[in-house]
């Protein structure tokens, strides 16, 4: 039986988190009913200063499940919260075969573990070693592929695209951790998310680092779950930013959720040709947003 440590972080999304955990346990039960050997999951969840009663609701709803809740103070954000939960799993005197990273708003399909394990066995067959496997997510209406893996279409300028499942596991360059299965061999070699990232880009970088270390990095053959893209549309963000004052724009881009520091770190390490362009773009976006968006139309 494979032991899987499930790594989650959350902040004030109680209902989403409860549904995500329920989908996880349904998927575990479904897999174990249909597969010999089976899996066992233990959840490590960071409550990053929730004020909506998330932790109490989890413990009362899933009293019969193996869940450890870590307490943050609201300053960890996504990457920091994931590191806290991941480190807590590693600190246990227990051998983990895999770590499953998932978002607190991701709903796993019943076949999620079957898809992830099939990708694992595909990697073993093709490469003779385990790796990391990004489960493809669709929007809740099933019309859009939202998360999974990315490849570069134009590596020199860092342009990438989200990959679509085609019925066979496909190698990717960057991974999303909305659903991400990481073999223990990878963690033992490259560690966990880099401390350089506060909120975003840590999962993108993890896929690149795993690939650089020689591990297979794949997306699943089929969709594993649902997770809507909850970011502003380009049009909505453009209108919001143009309406701000310069000081408001500075504060907006300094906030960890906008991840200026995170994206700069990522670009400096992996997309050096685009790094200078990003510095210029961010300057224009703060001080001359109308000019910035006009130039964006010329790309």
Protein backbone atom coordinates (compact mmCIF):
# COMPACT_ATOMS: atom_id res chain seq x y z
CA UNK A 1 0.00 0.00 0.00
CA UNK A 2 1.35 3.41 -0.98
CA UNK A 3 1.49 6.10 1.72
CA UNK A 4 0.58 9.55 0.45
CA UNK A 5 1.02 12.78 2.42
CA UNK A 6 -1.47 15.35 1.13
CA UNK A 7 -0.21 18.93 1.32
CA UNK A 8 -2.71 21.82 1.41
CA UNK A 9 -2.78 25.42 2.57
CA UNK A 10 -5.89 27.53 3.03
CA UNK A 11 -7.07 30.97 4.02
CA UNK A 12 -10.73 31.82 4.70
CA UNK A 13 -12.27 29.55 2.12
CA UNK A 14 -14.01 27.16 4.51
CA UNK A 15 -16.67 25.85 2.13
CA UNK A 16 -14.19 25.35 -0.71
CA UNK A 17 -11.76 23.59 1.61
CA UNK A 18 -14.39 21.22 2.99
CA UNK A 19 -15.49 20.29 -0.54
CA UNK A 20 -11.88 19.79 -1.65
CA UNK A 21 -11.18 17.45 1.27
CA UNK A 22 -14.40 15.54 0.67
CA UNK A 23 -13.43 15.00 -2.97
CA UNK A 24 -10.00 13.78 -1.83
CA UNK A 25 -11.46 11.15 0.49
CA UNK A 26 -14.03 10.04 -2.10
CA UNK A 27 -11.22 9.62 -4.65
CA UNK A 28 -9.15 7.64 -2.14
CA UNK A 29 -12.06 5.30 -1.36
CA UNK A 30 -12.85 4.87 -5.06
CA UNK A 31 -9.26 3.96 -5.89
CA UNK A 32 -9.02 1.45 -3.06
CA UNK A 33 -12.27 -0.25 -4.12
CA UNK A 34 -10.97 -0.82 -7.63
CA UNK A 35 -7.24 -1.45 -7.15
CA UNK A 36 -5.25 -4.08 -5.28
CA UNK A 37 -2.58 -2.74 -2.96
CA UNK A 38 -4.34 0.58 -2.61
CA UNK A 39 -3.31 3.85 -1.04
CA UNK A 40 -3.59 5.53 2.32
CA UNK A 41 -3.64 9.30 2.68
CA UNK A 42 -2.81 11.59 5.58
CA UNK A 43 -3.55 15.31 5.24
CA UNK A 44 -1.20 18.06 6.37
CA UNK A 45 -3.06 21.36 6.09
CA UNK A 46 -1.82 24.85 6.90
CA UNK A 47 -4.51 27.18 8.25
CA UNK A 48 -2.82 30.49 7.50
CA UNK A 49 -4.67 32.61 10.03
CA UNK A 50 -8.22 31.78 8.93
CA UNK A 51 -10.95 33.73 10.70
CA UNK A 52 -13.90 31.83 9.23
CA UNK A 53 -13.63 28.72 11.39
CA UNK A 54 -12.01 26.57 8.71
CA UNK A 55 -9.93 24.44 11.13
CA UNK A 56 -12.84 23.67 13.48
CA UNK A 57 -15.09 22.82 10.55
CA UNK A 58 -12.51 20.41 9.13
CA UNK A 59 -11.95 18.63 12.43
CA UNK A 60 -15.68 18.23 13.09
CA UNK A 61 -16.60 17.21 9.54
CA UNK A 62 -13.75 14.73 9.12
CA UNK A 63 -13.31 13.50 12.68
CA UNK A 64 -12.57 9.99 11.44
CA UNK A 65 -9.83 11.06 8.99
CA UNK A 66 -6.09 11.43 9.56
CA UNK A 67 -5.61 15.20 9.38
CA UNK A 68 -2.92 17.37 10.94
CA UNK A 69 -3.62 21.12 10.94
CA UNK A 70 -0.70 23.55 11.16
CA UNK A 71 -1.35 27.09 12.34
CA UNK A 72 -0.02 30.06 10.37
CA UNK A 73 -0.44 33.74 11.19
CA UNK A 74 -1.70 35.00 7.83
CA UNK A 75 1.73 35.95 6.48
CA UNK A 76 2.67 32.64 4.82
CA UNK A 77 0.57 32.92 1.66
CA UNK A 78 0.36 29.98 -0.73
CA UNK A 79 3.99 28.91 -1.19
CA UNK A 80 4.84 29.54 2.47
CA UNK A 81 1.81 27.62 3.69
CA UNK A 82 2.63 24.68 1.42
CA UNK A 83 6.20 24.61 2.75
CA UNK A 84 4.94 24.55 6.34
CA UNK A 85 2.64 21.58 5.66
CA UNK A 86 5.24 19.77 3.56
CA UNK A 87 7.92 20.17 6.23
CA UNK A 88 5.50 18.83 8.85
CA UNK A 89 4.99 15.70 6.74
CA UNK A 90 8.72 15.24 6.30
CA UNK A 91 9.28 15.61 10.06
CA UNK A 92 7.15 12.55 10.80
CA UNK A 93 8.91 9.24 11.32
CA UNK A 94 7.06 7.68 8.43
CA UNK A 95 8.05 6.67 4.92
CA UNK A 96 6.02 8.54 2.34
CA UNK A 97 5.85 7.07 -1.14
CA UNK A 98 4.32 10.25 -2.56
CA UNK A 99 3.32 13.77 -1.66
CA UNK A 100 0.08 15.03 -3.20
CA UNK A 101 -0.06 18.81 -3.43
CA UNK A 102 -3.50 20.25 -4.06
CA UNK A 103 -5.33 23.56 -3.83
CA UNK A 104 -8.05 24.16 -1.30
CA UNK A 105 -10.48 24.93 -4.15
CA UNK A 106 -9.68 21.82 -6.25
CA UNK A 107 -12.28 19.09 -6.60
CA UNK A 108 -10.71 15.73 -7.45
CA UNK A 109 -12.51 13.42 -9.84
CA UNK A 110 -13.21 9.91 -8.59
CA UNK A 111 -10.56 8.63 -11.02
CA UNK A 112 -7.92 11.18 -9.94
CA UNK A 113 -5.65 8.68 -8.20
CA UNK A 114 -6.03 6.19 -11.05
CA UNK A 115 -4.86 8.88 -13.48
CA UNK A 116 -1.94 9.95 -11.31
CA UNK A 117 -0.77 6.41 -10.62
CA UNK A 118 -1.11 5.48 -14.30
CA UNK A 119 1.15 8.43 -15.09
CA UNK A 120 3.60 7.22 -12.46
CA UNK A 121 3.75 3.74 -14.00
CA UNK A 122 4.14 5.30 -17.46
CA UNK A 123 7.14 7.30 -16.22
CA UNK A 124 8.68 4.19 -14.64
CA UNK A 125 8.27 2.29 -17.90
CA UNK A 126 9.64 5.08 -20.10
CA UNK A 127 12.44 6.36 -17.87
CA UNK A 128 13.09 3.71 -15.25
CA UNK A 129 12.53 6.22 -12.45
CA UNK A 130 9.74 8.04 -10.64
CA UNK A 131 9.05 11.74 -11.12
CA UNK A 132 6.34 14.35 -10.62
CA UNK A 133 2.92 14.33 -12.25
CA UNK A 134 0.63 17.31 -12.65
CA UNK A 135 -3.04 16.40 -12.73
CA UNK A 136 -4.91 18.32 -15.41
CA UNK A 137 -7.78 20.49 -14.13
CA UNK A 138 -10.74 21.87 -16.04
CA UNK A 139 -13.11 24.69 -15.18
CA UNK A 140 -16.19 23.68 -13.22
CA UNK A 141 -18.26 23.67 -16.41
CA UNK A 142 -15.70 21.45 -18.12
CA UNK A 143 -15.22 23.84 -21.02
CA UNK A 144 -11.69 25.06 -20.30
CA UNK A 145 -8.38 23.53 -19.25
CA UNK A 146 -7.31 25.74 -16.37
CA UNK A 147 -4.28 24.12 -14.71
CA UNK A 148 -1.86 21.24 -15.21
CA UNK A 149 1.41 21.67 -17.06
CA UNK A 150 3.02 24.20 -19.38
CA UNK A 151 5.49 24.09 -22.22
CA UNK A 152 7.40 26.91 -23.85
CA UNK A 153 6.20 27.90 -27.32
CA UNK A 154 8.96 30.51 -27.58
CA UNK A 155 11.62 29.67 -24.97
CA UNK A 156 13.83 32.66 -25.75
CA UNK A 157 11.17 35.16 -24.69
CA UNK A 158 9.58 32.87 -22.13
CA UNK A 159 6.23 32.45 -23.88
CA UNK A 160 4.43 29.32 -22.70
CA UNK A 161 1.09 27.62 -23.12
CA UNK A 162 -1.12 25.37 -21.00
CA UNK A 163 -1.11 21.81 -22.29
CA UNK A 164 -4.27 19.84 -23.03
CA UNK A 165 -4.61 16.14 -22.20
CA UNK A 166 -4.60 13.80 -25.21
CA UNK A 167 -5.14 10.36 -23.69
CA UNK A 168 -1.44 9.70 -23.04
CA UNK A 169 0.83 11.25 -20.36
CA UNK A 170 2.82 14.11 -21.89
CA UNK A 171 6.11 15.61 -20.70
CA UNK A 172 5.86 19.22 -19.59
CA UNK A 173 8.30 21.90 -18.46
CA UNK A 174 6.40 23.78 -15.75
CA UNK A 175 3.87 22.29 -13.34
CA UNK A 176 0.85 23.64 -11.53
CA UNK A 177 0.32 22.25 -8.04
CA UNK A 178 -3.48 22.44 -8.06
CA UNK A 179 -3.04 18.65 -8.31
CA UNK A 180 0.59 17.53 -8.22
CA UNK A 181 1.87 14.09 -7.23
CA UNK A 182 5.53 14.14 -6.19
CA UNK A 183 7.46 10.92 -5.65
CA UNK A 184 9.62 10.70 -2.55
CA UNK A 185 12.71 10.24 -4.74
CA UNK A 186 12.25 13.75 -6.12
CA UNK A 187 11.86 15.32 -2.67
CA UNK A 188 14.92 13.48 -1.39
CA UNK A 189 16.95 14.92 -4.27
CA UNK A 190 15.71 18.50 -4.79
CA UNK A 191 13.83 19.17 -1.57
CA UNK A 192 10.53 21.06 -1.44
CA UNK A 193 9.40 24.49 -2.68
CA UNK A 194 12.16 27.09 -2.73
CA UNK A 195 12.01 29.66 0.10
CA UNK A 196 12.58 32.39 -2.49
CA UNK A 197 8.87 32.26 -3.37
CA UNK A 198 6.22 33.70 -1.09
CA UNK A 199 3.01 33.07 -2.99
CA UNK A 200 3.29 32.08 -6.65
CA UNK A 201 5.76 30.55 -9.15
CA UNK A 202 7.03 27.96 -6.66
CA UNK A 203 5.19 25.16 -8.46
CA UNK A 204 6.38 26.33 -11.90
CA UNK A 205 9.96 26.35 -10.62
CA UNK A 206 9.57 22.94 -8.99
CA UNK A 207 8.72 21.30 -12.30
CA UNK A 208 11.75 22.91 -13.95
CA UNK A 209 14.09 21.90 -11.12
CA UNK A 210 12.81 18.32 -11.15
CA UNK A 211 13.38 18.13 -14.90
CA UNK A 212 16.88 19.62 -14.57
CA UNK A 213 17.67 16.96 -11.96
CA UNK A 214 16.77 14.27 -14.48
CA UNK A 215 13.32 13.29 -13.22
CA UNK A 216 10.38 12.72 -15.57
CA UNK A 217 7.82 15.52 -15.37
CA UNK A 218 4.42 14.77 -16.89
CA UNK A 219 0.82 15.85 -17.10
CA UNK A 220 -1.84 13.20 -16.77
CA UNK A 221 -3.49 11.58 -19.78
CA UNK A 222 -6.95 12.77 -18.77
CA UNK A 223 -8.54 15.40 -16.53
CA UNK A 224 -8.12 14.69 -12.81
CA UNK A 225 -10.31 17.38 -11.29
CA UNK A 226 -11.90 20.78 -11.47
CA UNK A 227 -10.44 24.10 -10.39
CA UNK A 228 -11.68 27.39 -11.76
CA UNK A 229 -9.30 30.18 -12.70
CA UNK A 230 -10.26 32.75 -10.07
CA UNK A 231 -7.96 35.53 -11.28
CA UNK A 232 -9.25 38.73 -12.86
CA UNK A 233 -9.65 38.74 -16.61
CA UNK A 234 -7.12 40.88 -18.51
CA UNK A 235 -9.85 43.44 -19.21
CA UNK A 236 -10.95 43.66 -15.56
CA UNK A 237 -7.38 43.97 -14.28
CA UNK A 238 -6.54 46.60 -16.89
CA UNK A 239 -9.52 48.74 -15.90
CA UNK A 240 -8.73 48.38 -12.20
CA UNK A 241 -5.06 49.30 -12.59
CA UNK A 242 -5.69 52.32 -14.84
CA UNK A 243 -8.20 53.69 -12.30
CA UNK A 244 -5.61 53.59 -9.47
CA UNK A 245 -3.28 56.34 -8.37
CA UNK A 246 0.47 55.76 -8.69
CA UNK A 247 0.76 55.06 -4.95
CA UNK A 248 -2.11 52.59 -5.17
CA UNK A 249 -0.46 50.84 -8.09
CA UNK A 250 2.84 50.61 -6.19
CA UNK A 251 1.04 49.03 -3.22
CA UNK A 252 -0.91 46.72 -5.55
CA UNK A 253 2.24 45.28 -7.12
CA UNK A 254 4.08 45.06 -3.79
CA UNK A 255 1.40 42.84 -2.30
CA UNK A 256 2.40 39.15 -2.16
CA UNK A 257 -0.76 38.13 -4.01
CA UNK A 258 0.48 40.06 -7.06
CA UNK A 259 3.85 38.37 -6.67
CA UNK A 260 6.13 40.97 -8.24
CA UNK A 261 9.01 39.59 -6.20
CA UNK A 262 8.07 35.99 -7.02
CA UNK A 263 7.79 36.52 -10.76
CA UNK A 264 11.01 38.55 -10.82
CA UNK A 265 12.84 35.71 -9.06
CA UNK A 266 11.41 33.18 -11.47
CA UNK A 267 12.32 35.24 -14.56
CA UNK A 268 15.82 35.98 -13.30
CA UNK A 269 16.48 32.28 -12.84
CA UNK A 270 14.74 30.71 -15.81
CA UNK A 271 13.91 33.39 -18.38
CA UNK A 272 16.84 35.80 -18.28
CA UNK A 273 16.09 37.22 -21.74
CA UNK A 274 12.67 38.29 -20.52
CA UNK A 275 13.80 39.61 -17.12
CA UNK A 276 14.87 43.08 -18.35
CA UNK A 277 11.67 43.35 -20.38
CA UNK A 278 9.68 42.51 -17.27
CA UNK A 279 11.41 45.27 -15.28
CA UNK A 280 10.53 47.78 -18.00
CA UNK A 281 6.98 46.46 -18.26
CA UNK A 282 6.41 46.72 -14.52
CA UNK A 283 7.73 50.31 -14.51
CA UNK A 284 5.33 51.24 -17.30
CA UNK A 285 2.46 49.42 -15.67
CA UNK A 286 2.91 51.49 -12.50
CA UNK A 287 3.75 54.91 -13.93
CA UNK A 288 2.28 54.81 -17.45
CA UNK A 289 -0.39 52.11 -17.51
CA UNK A 290 -2.19 53.37 -20.61
CA UNK A 291 1.09 53.26 -22.55
CA UNK A 292 1.78 49.81 -21.17
CA UNK A 293 -1.56 48.40 -22.35
CA UNK A 294 -1.18 50.04 -25.76
CA UNK A 295 2.19 48.31 -26.17
CA UNK A 296 0.62 45.01 -25.06
CA UNK A 297 -1.67 45.17 -28.09
CA UNK A 298 1.41 45.19 -30.37
CA UNK A 299 2.77 41.86 -29.07
